[in-house]
């Protein structure tokens, strides 16, 4: 398996449904982009993929050769406060 697979059946915030029945696959070695308007859930999606947000219904499947996944947050020092 050389794909990062993302299946999010449901992700809600306190006030709205963020994702519903989302299914994505990213090929290993390919250049991928996530483009969407402000507030569409791009950072939420990356937090879920990196394992920072576990409050969703679905499954993230990393390629076999990948042991972990991370990304640099918009405000990386925010989590230290």
PDB file of N, CA and C in Angstrom:
ATOM      1  N   UNK A   1       0.846  -1.183   0.000  1.00  0.00           N
ATOM      2  CA  UNK A   1       0.000   0.000   0.000  1.00  0.00           C
ATOM      3  C   UNK A   1       0.886   1.239   0.000  1.00  0.00           C
ATOM      4  N   UNK A   2       0.736   2.092  -1.001  1.00  0.00           N
ATOM      5  CA  UNK A   2       1.521   3.313  -1.106  1.00  0.00           C
ATOM      6  C   UNK A   2       0.634   4.542  -1.085  1.00  0.00           C
ATOM      7  N   UNK A   3      -0.435   4.479  -0.336  1.00  0.00           N
ATOM      8  CA  UNK A   3      -1.354   5.609  -0.244  1.00  0.00           C
ATOM      9  C   UNK A   3      -1.637   5.943   1.202  1.00  0.00           C
ATOM     10  N   UNK A   4      -1.800   7.229   1.449  1.00  0.00           N
ATOM     11  CA  UNK A   4      -2.382   7.698   2.697  1.00  0.00           C
ATOM     12  C   UNK A   4      -3.874   7.768   2.438  1.00  0.00           C
ATOM     13  N   UNK A   5      -4.649   6.983   3.171  1.00  0.00           N
ATOM     14  CA  UNK A   5      -6.096   6.966   2.949  1.00  0.00           C
ATOM     15  C   UNK A   5      -6.790   7.630   4.131  1.00  0.00           C
ATOM     16  N   UNK A   6      -7.733   8.506   3.813  1.00  0.00           N
ATOM     17  CA  UNK A   6      -8.493   9.246   4.814  1.00  0.00           C
ATOM     18  C   UNK A   6      -9.974   8.992   4.565  1.00  0.00           C
ATOM     19  N   UNK A   7     -10.641   8.464   5.569  1.00  0.00           N
ATOM     20  CA  UNK A   7     -12.091   8.289   5.502  1.00  0.00           C
ATOM     21  C   UNK A   7     -12.651   8.893   6.790  1.00  0.00           C
ATOM     22  N   UNK A   8     -13.352   9.996   6.661  1.00  0.00           N
ATOM     23  CA  UNK A   8     -13.964  10.642   7.816  1.00  0.00           C
ATOM     24  C   UNK A   8     -15.470  10.613   7.601  1.00  0.00           C
ATOM     25  N   UNK A   9     -16.130   9.795   8.380  1.00  0.00           N
ATOM     26  CA  UNK A   9     -17.587   9.685   8.266  1.00  0.00           C
ATOM     27  C   UNK A   9     -18.269  10.891   8.895  1.00  0.00           C
ATOM     28  N   UNK A  10     -17.688  11.396   9.998  1.00  0.00           N
ATOM     29  CA  UNK A  10     -18.291  12.543  10.671  1.00  0.00           C
ATOM     30  C   UNK A  10     -17.262  13.253  11.539  1.00  0.00           C
ATOM     31  N   UNK A  11     -17.234  14.570  11.442  1.00  0.00           N
ATOM     32  CA  UNK A  11     -16.424  15.422  12.321  1.00  0.00           C
ATOM     33  C   UNK A  11     -17.261  16.652  12.607  1.00  0.00           C
ATOM     34  N   UNK A  12     -17.548  16.889  13.878  1.00  0.00           N
ATOM     35  CA  UNK A  12     -18.381  18.020  14.279  1.00  0.00           C
ATOM     36  C   UNK A  12     -17.631  18.900  15.259  1.00  0.00           C
ATOM     37  N   UNK A  13     -17.897  20.199  15.187  1.00  0.00           N
ATOM     38  CA  UNK A  13     -17.458  21.110  16.236  1.00  0.00           C
ATOM     39  C   UNK A  13     -18.657  21.317  17.152  1.00  0.00           C
ATOM     40  N   UNK A  14     -18.540  22.195  18.101  1.00  0.00           N
ATOM     41  CA  UNK A  14     -19.660  22.453  19.014  1.00  0.00           C
ATOM     42  C   UNK A  14     -20.850  23.061  18.281  1.00  0.00           C
ATOM     43  N   UNK A  15     -20.580  23.737  17.153  1.00  0.00           N
ATOM     44  CA  UNK A  15     -21.657  24.470  16.483  1.00  0.00           C
ATOM     45  C   UNK A  15     -21.991  24.010  15.072  1.00  0.00           C
ATOM     46  N   UNK A  16     -21.124  23.183  14.433  1.00  0.00           N
ATOM     47  CA  UNK A  16     -21.430  22.794  13.055  1.00  0.00           C
ATOM     48  C   UNK A  16     -20.782  21.472  12.664  1.00  0.00           C
ATOM     49  N   UNK A  17     -21.319  20.891  11.604  1.00  0.00           N
ATOM     50  CA  UNK A  17     -20.747  19.686  10.989  1.00  0.00           C
ATOM     51  C   UNK A  17     -19.596  20.146  10.107  1.00  0.00           C
ATOM     52  N   UNK A  18     -18.385  19.660  10.367  1.00  0.00           N
ATOM     53  CA  UNK A  18     -17.213  20.075   9.583  1.00  0.00           C
ATOM     54  C   UNK A  18     -17.014  19.150   8.385  1.00  0.00           C
ATOM     55  N   UNK A  19     -17.031  17.827   8.631  1.00  0.00           N
ATOM     56  CA  UNK A  19     -16.894  16.846   7.560  1.00  0.00           C
ATOM     57  C   UNK A  19     -18.006  15.815   7.675  1.00  0.00           C
ATOM     58  N   UNK A  20     -18.467  15.345   6.538  1.00  0.00           N
ATOM     59  CA  UNK A  20     -19.446  14.268   6.493  1.00  0.00           C
ATOM     60  C   UNK A  20     -19.147  13.420   5.264  1.00  0.00           C
ATOM     61  N   UNK A  21     -18.868  12.142   5.474  1.00  0.00           N
ATOM     62  CA  UNK A  21     -18.572  11.212   4.381  1.00  0.00           C
ATOM     63  C   UNK A  21     -17.445  11.700   3.473  1.00  0.00           C
ATOM     64  N   UNK A  22     -16.328  12.096   4.070  1.00  0.00           N
ATOM     65  CA  UNK A  22     -15.148  12.547   3.338  1.00  0.00           C
ATOM     66  C   UNK A  22     -14.238  11.351   3.077  1.00  0.00           C
ATOM     67  N   UNK A  23     -13.799  11.190   1.837  1.00  0.00           N
ATOM     68  CA  UNK A  23     -12.900  10.105   1.477  1.00  0.00           C
ATOM     69  C   UNK A  23     -11.818  10.648   0.543  1.00  0.00           C
ATOM     70  N   UNK A  24     -10.547  10.506   0.960  1.00  0.00           N
ATOM     71  CA  UNK A  24      -9.412  11.004   0.175  1.00  0.00           C
ATOM     72  C   UNK A  24      -8.317   9.949   0.132  1.00  0.00           C
ATOM     73  N   UNK A  25      -7.501   9.993  -0.907  1.00  0.00           N
ATOM     74  CA  UNK A  25      -6.312   9.145  -0.998  1.00  0.00           C
ATOM     75  C   UNK A  25      -5.184   9.969  -1.591  1.00  0.00           C
ATOM     76  N   UNK A  26      -4.011   9.899  -0.957  1.00  0.00           N
ATOM     77  CA  UNK A  26      -2.832  10.612  -1.418  1.00  0.00           C
ATOM     78  C   UNK A  26      -1.765   9.591  -1.783  1.00  0.00           C
ATOM     79  N   UNK A  27      -1.301   9.623  -3.025  1.00  0.00           N
ATOM     80  CA  UNK A  27      -0.280   8.684  -3.495  1.00  0.00           C
ATOM     81  C   UNK A  27       1.085   9.051  -2.925  1.00  0.00           C
ATOM     82  N   UNK A  28       1.820   8.040  -2.510  1.00  0.00           N
ATOM     83  CA  UNK A  28       3.175   8.229  -2.021  1.00  0.00           C
ATOM     84  C   UNK A  28       4.055   8.793  -3.134  1.00  0.00           C
ATOM     85  N   UNK A  29       4.850   9.802  -2.815  1.00  0.00           N
ATOM     86  CA  UNK A  29       5.762  10.405  -3.783  1.00  0.00           C
ATOM     87  C   UNK A  29       5.142  11.481  -4.648  1.00  0.00           C
ATOM     88  N   UNK A  30       3.841  11.639  -4.589  1.00  0.00           N
ATOM     89  CA  UNK A  30       3.166  12.665  -5.394  1.00  0.00           C
ATOM     90  C   UNK A  30       3.115  13.978  -4.618  1.00  0.00           C
ATOM     91  N   UNK A  31       2.993  15.066  -5.344  1.00  0.00           N
ATOM     92  CA  UNK A  31       2.790  16.370  -4.725  1.00  0.00           C
ATOM     93  C   UNK A  31       1.294  16.600  -4.644  1.00  0.00           C
ATOM     94  N   UNK A  32       0.809  16.832  -3.438  1.00  0.00           N
ATOM     95  CA  UNK A  32      -0.619  17.023  -3.206  1.00  0.00           C
ATOM     96  C   UNK A  32      -0.864  18.399  -2.618  1.00  0.00           C
ATOM     97  N   UNK A  33      -2.024  18.936  -2.873  1.00  0.00           N
ATOM     98  CA  UNK A  33      -2.414  20.223  -2.298  1.00  0.00           C
ATOM     99  C   UNK A  33      -3.840  20.113  -1.775  1.00  0.00           C
ATOM    100  N   UNK A  34      -4.094  20.811  -0.690  1.00  0.00           N
ATOM    101  CA  UNK A  34      -5.437  20.900  -0.141  1.00  0.00           C
ATOM    102  C   UNK A  34      -5.848  22.354  -0.253  1.00  0.00           C
ATOM    103  N   UNK A  35      -6.770  22.628  -1.148  1.00  0.00           N
ATOM    104  CA  UNK A  35      -7.221  23.994  -1.403  1.00  0.00           C
ATOM    105  C   UNK A  35      -8.696  24.121  -1.049  1.00  0.00           C
ATOM    106  N   UNK A  36      -9.024  25.125  -0.269  1.00  0.00           N
ATOM    107  CA  UNK A  36     -10.422  25.376   0.111  1.00  0.00           C
ATOM    108  C   UNK A  36     -10.492  26.763   0.733  1.00  0.00           C
ATOM    109  N   UNK A  37     -11.683  27.330   0.784  1.00  0.00           N
ATOM    110  CA  UNK A  37     -11.840  28.659   1.396  1.00  0.00           C
ATOM    111  C   UNK A  37     -11.514  28.637   2.893  1.00  0.00           C
ATOM    112  N   UNK A  38     -11.304  29.816   3.453  1.00  0.00           N
ATOM    113  CA  UNK A  38     -11.094  29.941   4.897  1.00  0.00           C
ATOM    114  C   UNK A  38     -12.266  29.309   5.640  1.00  0.00           C
ATOM    115  N   UNK A  39     -11.950  28.583   6.695  1.00  0.00           N
ATOM    116  CA  UNK A  39     -12.992  27.987   7.516  1.00  0.00           C
ATOM    117  C   UNK A  39     -13.564  26.687   6.991  1.00  0.00           C
ATOM    118  N   UNK A  40     -13.008  26.160   5.910  1.00  0.00           N
ATOM    119  CA  UNK A  40     -13.547  24.931   5.312  1.00  0.00           C
ATOM    120  C   UNK A  40     -13.082  23.661   6.013  1.00  0.00           C
ATOM    121  N   UNK A  41     -12.032  23.756   6.843  1.00  0.00           N
ATOM    122  CA  UNK A  41     -11.571  22.586   7.586  1.00  0.00           C
ATOM    123  C   UNK A  41     -10.213  22.040   7.178  1.00  0.00           C
ATOM    124  N   UNK A  42      -9.420  22.821   6.451  1.00  0.00           N
ATOM    125  CA  UNK A  42      -8.099  22.342   6.018  1.00  0.00           C
ATOM    126  C   UNK A  42      -7.206  22.000   7.214  1.00  0.00           C
ATOM    127  N   UNK A  43      -7.111  22.919   8.168  1.00  0.00           N
ATOM    128  CA  UNK A  43      -6.282  22.675   9.355  1.00  0.00           C
ATOM    129  C   UNK A  43      -6.842  21.531  10.186  1.00  0.00           C
ATOM    130  N   UNK A  44      -8.153  21.442  10.275  1.00  0.00           N
ATOM    131  CA  UNK A  44      -8.784  20.332  10.997  1.00  0.00           C
ATOM    132  C   UNK A  44      -8.416  19.010  10.343  1.00  0.00           C
ATOM    133  N   UNK A  45      -8.462  18.953   9.019  1.00  0.00           N
ATOM    134  CA  UNK A  45      -8.092  17.740   8.298  1.00  0.00           C
ATOM    135  C   UNK A  45      -6.646  17.352   8.591  1.00  0.00           C
ATOM    136  N   UNK A  46      -5.730  18.317   8.546  1.00  0.00           N
ATOM    137  CA  UNK A  46      -4.323  18.025   8.818  1.00  0.00           C
ATOM    138  C   UNK A  46      -4.108  17.602  10.268  1.00  0.00           C
ATOM    139  N   UNK A  47      -4.848  18.198  11.199  1.00  0.00           N
ATOM    140  CA  UNK A  47      -4.761  17.782  12.603  1.00  0.00           C
ATOM    141  C   UNK A  47      -5.221  16.339  12.774  1.00  0.00           C
ATOM    142  N   UNK A  48      -6.247  15.946  12.060  1.00  0.00           N
ATOM    143  CA  UNK A  48      -6.734  14.559  12.121  1.00  0.00           C
ATOM    144  C   UNK A  48      -5.698  13.612  11.528  1.00  0.00           C
ATOM    145  N   UNK A  49      -5.169  13.932  10.355  1.00  0.00           N
ATOM    146  CA  UNK A  49      -4.176  13.074   9.701  1.00  0.00           C
ATOM    147  C   UNK A  49      -2.936  12.914  10.582  1.00  0.00           C
ATOM    148  N   UNK A  50      -2.476  14.005  11.212  1.00  0.00           N
ATOM    149  CA  UNK A  50      -1.277  13.955  12.049  1.00  0.00           C
ATOM    150  C   UNK A  50      -1.535  13.302  13.406  1.00  0.00           C
ATOM    151  N   UNK A  51      -2.796  13.066  13.734  1.00  0.00           N
ATOM    152  CA  UNK A  51      -3.108  12.411  15.000  1.00  0.00           C
ATOM    153  C   UNK A  51      -3.331  13.349  16.163  1.00  0.00           C
ATOM    154  N   UNK A  52      -3.333  14.662  15.925  1.00  0.00           N
ATOM    155  CA  UNK A  52      -3.563  15.637  16.988  1.00  0.00           C
ATOM    156  C   UNK A  52      -5.039  15.693  17.390  1.00  0.00           C
ATOM    157  N   UNK A  53      -5.933  15.429  16.460  1.00  0.00           N
ATOM    158  CA  UNK A  53      -7.373  15.478  16.722  1.00  0.00           C
ATOM    159  C   UNK A  53      -7.936  14.065  16.542  1.00  0.00           C
ATOM    160  N   UNK A  54      -8.421  13.497  17.614  1.00  0.00           N
ATOM    161  CA  UNK A  54      -8.978  12.138  17.548  1.00  0.00           C
ATOM    162  C   UNK A  54     -10.490  12.142  17.732  1.00  0.00           C
ATOM    163  N   UNK A  55     -11.085  13.324  17.756  1.00  0.00           N
ATOM    164  CA  UNK A  55     -12.525  13.464  17.983  1.00  0.00           C
ATOM    165  C   UNK A  55     -13.283  13.469  16.651  1.00  0.00           C
ATOM    166  N   UNK A  56     -13.322  12.321  15.989  1.00  0.00           N
ATOM    167  CA  UNK A  56     -14.008  12.161  14.703  1.00  0.00           C
ATOM    168  C   UNK A  56     -14.396  10.696  14.551  1.00  0.00           C
ATOM    169  N   UNK A  57     -15.271  10.433  13.618  1.00  0.00           N
ATOM    170  CA  UNK A  57     -15.641   9.058  13.304  1.00  0.00           C
ATOM    171  C   UNK A  57     -15.063   8.750  11.927  1.00  0.00           C
ATOM    172  N   UNK A  58     -14.164   7.775  11.841  1.00  0.00           N
ATOM    173  CA  UNK A  58     -13.551   7.437  10.568  1.00  0.00           C
ATOM    174  C   UNK A  58     -12.243   6.701  10.772  1.00  0.00           C
ATOM    175  N   UNK A  59     -11.417   6.700   9.733  1.00  0.00           N
ATOM    176  CA  UNK A  59     -10.167   5.951   9.775  1.00  0.00           C
ATOM    177  C   UNK A  59      -9.116   6.627   8.910  1.00  0.00           C
ATOM    178  N   UNK A  60      -7.896   6.684   9.430  1.00  0.00           N
ATOM    179  CA  UNK A  60      -6.741   7.175   8.684  1.00  0.00           C
ATOM    180  C   UNK A  60      -5.796   6.000   8.524  1.00  0.00           C
ATOM    181  N   UNK A  61      -5.403   5.678   7.291  1.00  0.00           N
ATOM    182  CA  UNK A  61      -4.499   4.567   7.030  1.00  0.00           C
ATOM    183  C   UNK A  61      -3.228   5.118   6.394  1.00  0.00           C
ATOM    184  N   UNK A  62      -2.122   5.011   7.131  1.00  0.00           N
ATOM    185  CA  UNK A  62      -0.826   5.469   6.624  1.00  0.00           C
ATOM    186  C   UNK A  62      -0.196   4.385   5.765  1.00  0.00           C
ATOM    187  N   UNK A  63       0.626   4.768   4.771  1.00  0.00           N
ATOM    188  CA  UNK A  63       1.347   3.763   3.985  1.00  0.00           C
ATOM    189  C   UNK A  63       2.200   2.882   4.901  1.00  0.00           C
ATOM    190  N   UNK A  64       2.426   1.660   4.508  1.00  0.00           N
ATOM    191  CA  UNK A  64       3.139   0.686   5.334  1.00  0.00           C
ATOM    192  C   UNK A  64       4.501   1.211   5.783  1.00  0.00           C
ATOM    193  N   UNK A  65       5.237   1.885   4.916  1.00  0.00           N
ATOM    194  CA  UNK A  65       6.579   2.354   5.243  1.00  0.00           C
ATOM    195  C   UNK A  65       6.583   3.557   6.179  1.00  0.00           C
ATOM    196  N   UNK A  66       5.459   4.189   6.383  1.00  0.00           N
ATOM    197  CA  UNK A  66       5.386   5.384   7.226  1.00  0.00           C
ATOM    198  C   UNK A  66       5.065   4.978   8.660  1.00  0.00           C
ATOM    199  N   UNK A  67       5.895   5.426   9.605  1.00  0.00           N
ATOM    200  CA  UNK A  67       5.680   5.110  11.014  1.00  0.00           C
ATOM    201  C   UNK A  67       4.815   6.154  11.711  1.00  0.00           C
ATOM    202  N   UNK A  68       4.898   7.405  11.249  1.00  0.00           N
ATOM    203  CA  UNK A  68       4.114   8.468  11.856  1.00  0.00           C
ATOM    204  C   UNK A  68       3.931   9.590  10.838  1.00  0.00           C
ATOM    205  N   UNK A  69       3.110  10.543  11.204  1.00  0.00           N
ATOM    206  CA  UNK A  69       2.820  11.658  10.313  1.00  0.00           C
ATOM    207  C   UNK A  69       2.710  12.915  11.169  1.00  0.00           C
ATOM    208  N   UNK A  70       3.282  14.022  10.711  1.00  0.00           N
ATOM    209  CA  UNK A  70       3.216  15.282  11.456  1.00  0.00           C
ATOM    210  C   UNK A  70       3.248  16.447  10.482  1.00  0.00           C
ATOM    211  N   UNK A  71       2.872  17.603  10.973  1.00  0.00           N
ATOM    212  CA  UNK A  71       2.991  18.813  10.176  1.00  0.00           C
ATOM    213  C   UNK A  71       3.214  19.996  11.091  1.00  0.00           C
ATOM    214  N   UNK A  72       3.736  21.094  10.539  1.00  0.00           N
ATOM    215  CA  UNK A  72       3.988  22.301  11.318  1.00  0.00           C
ATOM    216  C   UNK A  72       2.698  23.103  11.393  1.00  0.00           C
ATOM    217  N   UNK A  73       2.204  23.319  12.591  1.00  0.00           N
ATOM    218  CA  UNK A  73       0.973  24.078  12.783  1.00  0.00           C
ATOM    219  C   UNK A  73       1.168  25.543  12.410  1.00  0.00           C
ATOM    220  N   UNK A  74       0.058  26.225  12.157  1.00  0.00           N
ATOM    221  CA  UNK A  74       0.116  27.637  11.826  1.00  0.00           C
ATOM    222  C   UNK A  74       0.757  28.445  12.955  1.00  0.00           C
ATOM    223  N   UNK A  75       0.427  28.091  14.180  1.00  0.00           N
ATOM    224  CA  UNK A  75       0.981  28.746  15.363  1.00  0.00           C
ATOM    225  C   UNK A  75       1.603  27.663  16.233  1.00  0.00           C
ATOM    226  N   UNK A  76       2.839  27.235  15.906  1.00  0.00           N
ATOM    227  CA  UNK A  76       3.424  26.060  16.566  1.00  0.00           C
ATOM    228  C   UNK A  76       3.653  26.223  18.064  1.00  0.00           C
ATOM    229  N   UNK A  77       3.853  27.434  18.556  1.00  0.00           N
ATOM    230  CA  UNK A  77       4.142  27.609  19.975  1.00  0.00           C
ATOM    231  C   UNK A  77       2.869  27.769  20.792  1.00  0.00           C
ATOM    232  N   UNK A  78       1.738  27.839  20.140  1.00  0.00           N
ATOM    233  CA  UNK A  78       0.452  27.963  20.811  1.00  0.00           C
ATOM    234  C   UNK A  78       0.201  26.791  21.759  1.00  0.00           C
ATOM    235  N   UNK A  79       0.663  25.606  21.389  1.00  0.00           N
ATOM    236  CA  UNK A  79       0.424  24.435  22.204  1.00  0.00           C
ATOM    237  C   UNK A  79       1.277  24.418  23.476  1.00  0.00           C
ATOM    238  N   UNK A  80       2.274  25.293  23.586  1.00  0.00           N
ATOM    239  CA  UNK A  80       3.122  25.344  24.771  1.00  0.00           C
ATOM    240  C   UNK A  80       2.535  26.208  25.870  1.00  0.00           C
ATOM    241  N   UNK A  81       1.535  27.015  25.539  1.00  0.00           N
ATOM    242  CA  UNK A  81       0.952  27.929  26.522  1.00  0.00           C
ATOM    243  C   UNK A  81      -0.047  27.244  27.407  1.00  0.00           C
TER     244      UNK A  81
END
